[in-house]
């Protein structure tokens, strides 16, 4: 006869407090940023671009119509 002697419901545990914000090491972040820029500069050095990559105006092919 459980309905005559009801039990109290169990109260759930409170949620855990939020974790403190992560601290970042500024020296490590700056070092990784410098490394990323060096890697980017290295990749850009392999691409031929700039003044030496421009095509002279005389060597540009133009379309011509057949029969003209």
C-alpha atoms as a PDB file:
ATOM      1  CA  UNK A   1       0.000   0.000   0.000  1.00  0.00           C
ATOM      2  CA  UNK A   2       2.480   2.492  -1.236  1.00  0.00           C
ATOM      3  CA  UNK A   3      -0.141   5.089  -2.161  1.00  0.00           C
ATOM      4  CA  UNK A   4      -0.963   5.676   1.508  1.00  0.00           C
ATOM      5  CA  UNK A   5       2.634   6.516   2.357  1.00  0.00           C
ATOM      6  CA  UNK A   6       4.011   8.335  -0.694  1.00  0.00           C
ATOM      7  CA  UNK A   7       7.709   9.019  -0.873  1.00  0.00           C
ATOM      8  CA  UNK A   8       9.069  12.437  -1.731  1.00  0.00           C
ATOM      9  CA  UNK A   9      10.566  12.783  -5.181  1.00  0.00           C
ATOM     10  CA  UNK A  10      14.323  12.885  -5.408  1.00  0.00           C
ATOM     11  CA  UNK A  11      15.652  16.376  -6.100  1.00  0.00           C
ATOM     12  CA  UNK A  12      18.106  16.353  -9.017  1.00  0.00           C
ATOM     13  CA  UNK A  13      21.650  17.535  -8.431  1.00  0.00           C
ATOM     14  CA  UNK A  14      22.310  21.135  -9.453  1.00  0.00           C
ATOM     15  CA  UNK A  15      24.155  21.587 -12.745  1.00  0.00           C
ATOM     16  CA  UNK A  16      27.912  21.947 -12.575  1.00  0.00           C
ATOM     17  CA  UNK A  17      29.211  25.507 -12.714  1.00  0.00           C
ATOM     18  CA  UNK A  18      30.568  26.591 -16.094  1.00  0.00           C
ATOM     19  CA  UNK A  19      34.251  26.035 -16.688  1.00  0.00           C
ATOM     20  CA  UNK A  20      36.472  29.090 -16.326  1.00  0.00           C
ATOM     21  CA  UNK A  21      37.542  30.654 -19.623  1.00  0.00           C
ATOM     22  CA  UNK A  22      40.617  29.096 -21.111  1.00  0.00           C
ATOM     23  CA  UNK A  23      43.767  31.131 -20.833  1.00  0.00           C
ATOM     24  CA  UNK A  24      45.852  31.479 -23.938  1.00  0.00           C
ATOM     25  CA  UNK A  25      49.584  31.755 -24.078  1.00  0.00           C
ATOM     26  CA  UNK A  26      50.209  34.901 -26.084  1.00  0.00           C
ATOM     27  CA  UNK A  27      53.811  33.976 -26.808  1.00  0.00           C
ATOM     28  CA  UNK A  28      52.782  30.615 -28.262  1.00  0.00           C
ATOM     29  CA  UNK A  29      49.979  32.235 -30.268  1.00  0.00           C
ATOM     30  CA  UNK A  30      52.365  34.820 -31.719  1.00  0.00           C
ATOM     31  CA  UNK A  31      54.897  32.102 -32.528  1.00  0.00           C
ATOM     32  CA  UNK A  32      52.303  29.986 -34.338  1.00  0.00           C
ATOM     33  CA  UNK A  33      51.085  33.059 -36.243  1.00  0.00           C
ATOM     34  CA  UNK A  34      54.644  33.853 -37.324  1.00  0.00           C
ATOM     35  CA  UNK A  35      55.117  30.260 -38.415  1.00  0.00           C
ATOM     36  CA  UNK A  36      51.877  30.397 -40.410  1.00  0.00           C
ATOM     37  CA  UNK A  37      53.043  33.573 -42.177  1.00  0.00           C
ATOM     38  CA  UNK A  38      56.419  32.002 -42.951  1.00  0.00           C
ATOM     39  CA  UNK A  39      54.714  28.947 -44.429  1.00  0.00           C
ATOM     40  CA  UNK A  40      52.418  31.222 -46.438  1.00  0.00           C
ATOM     41  CA  UNK A  41      55.358  33.252 -47.690  1.00  0.00           C
ATOM     42  CA  UNK A  42      57.106  30.019 -48.689  1.00  0.00           C
ATOM     43  CA  UNK A  43      54.083  28.868 -50.657  1.00  0.00           C
ATOM     44  CA  UNK A  44      53.723  32.245 -52.341  1.00  0.00           C
ATOM     45  CA  UNK A  45      57.384  32.149 -53.378  1.00  0.00           C
ATOM     46  CA  UNK A  46      56.764  29.063 -55.516  1.00  0.00           C
ATOM     47  CA  UNK A  47      54.053  30.789 -57.559  1.00  0.00           C
ATOM     48  CA  UNK A  48      55.344  32.805 -60.482  1.00  0.00           C
ATOM     49  CA  UNK A  49      53.587  36.134 -60.235  1.00  0.00           C
ATOM     50  CA  UNK A  50      54.250  39.810 -60.264  1.00  0.00           C
ATOM     51  CA  UNK A  51      55.904  41.896 -62.963  1.00  0.00           C
ATOM     52  CA  UNK A  52      57.702  38.918 -64.520  1.00  0.00           C
ATOM     53  CA  UNK A  53      54.404  37.066 -65.061  1.00  0.00           C
ATOM     54  CA  UNK A  54      52.695  39.703 -67.189  1.00  0.00           C
ATOM     55  CA  UNK A  55      52.049  38.808 -70.803  1.00  0.00           C
ATOM     56  CA  UNK A  56      53.174  41.332 -73.429  1.00  0.00           C
ATOM     57  CA  UNK A  57      50.313  42.836 -75.438  1.00  0.00           C
ATOM     58  CA  UNK A  58      51.644  41.523 -78.775  1.00  0.00           C
ATOM     59  CA  UNK A  59      51.498  37.856 -77.787  1.00  0.00           C
ATOM     60  CA  UNK A  60      47.854  37.826 -76.752  1.00  0.00           C
ATOM     61  CA  UNK A  61      45.782  35.634 -79.061  1.00  0.00           C
ATOM     62  CA  UNK A  62      42.575  37.156 -80.401  1.00  0.00           C
ATOM     63  CA  UNK A  63      39.585  35.337 -81.785  1.00  0.00           C
ATOM     64  CA  UNK A  64      39.033  35.513 -85.534  1.00  0.00           C
ATOM     65  CA  UNK A  65      35.937  34.558 -87.424  1.00  0.00           C
ATOM     66  CA  UNK A  66      36.158  31.869 -90.054  1.00  0.00           C
ATOM     67  CA  UNK A  67      36.079  33.359 -93.513  1.00  0.00           C
ATOM     68  CA  UNK A  68      37.225  36.792 -92.461  1.00  0.00           C
END
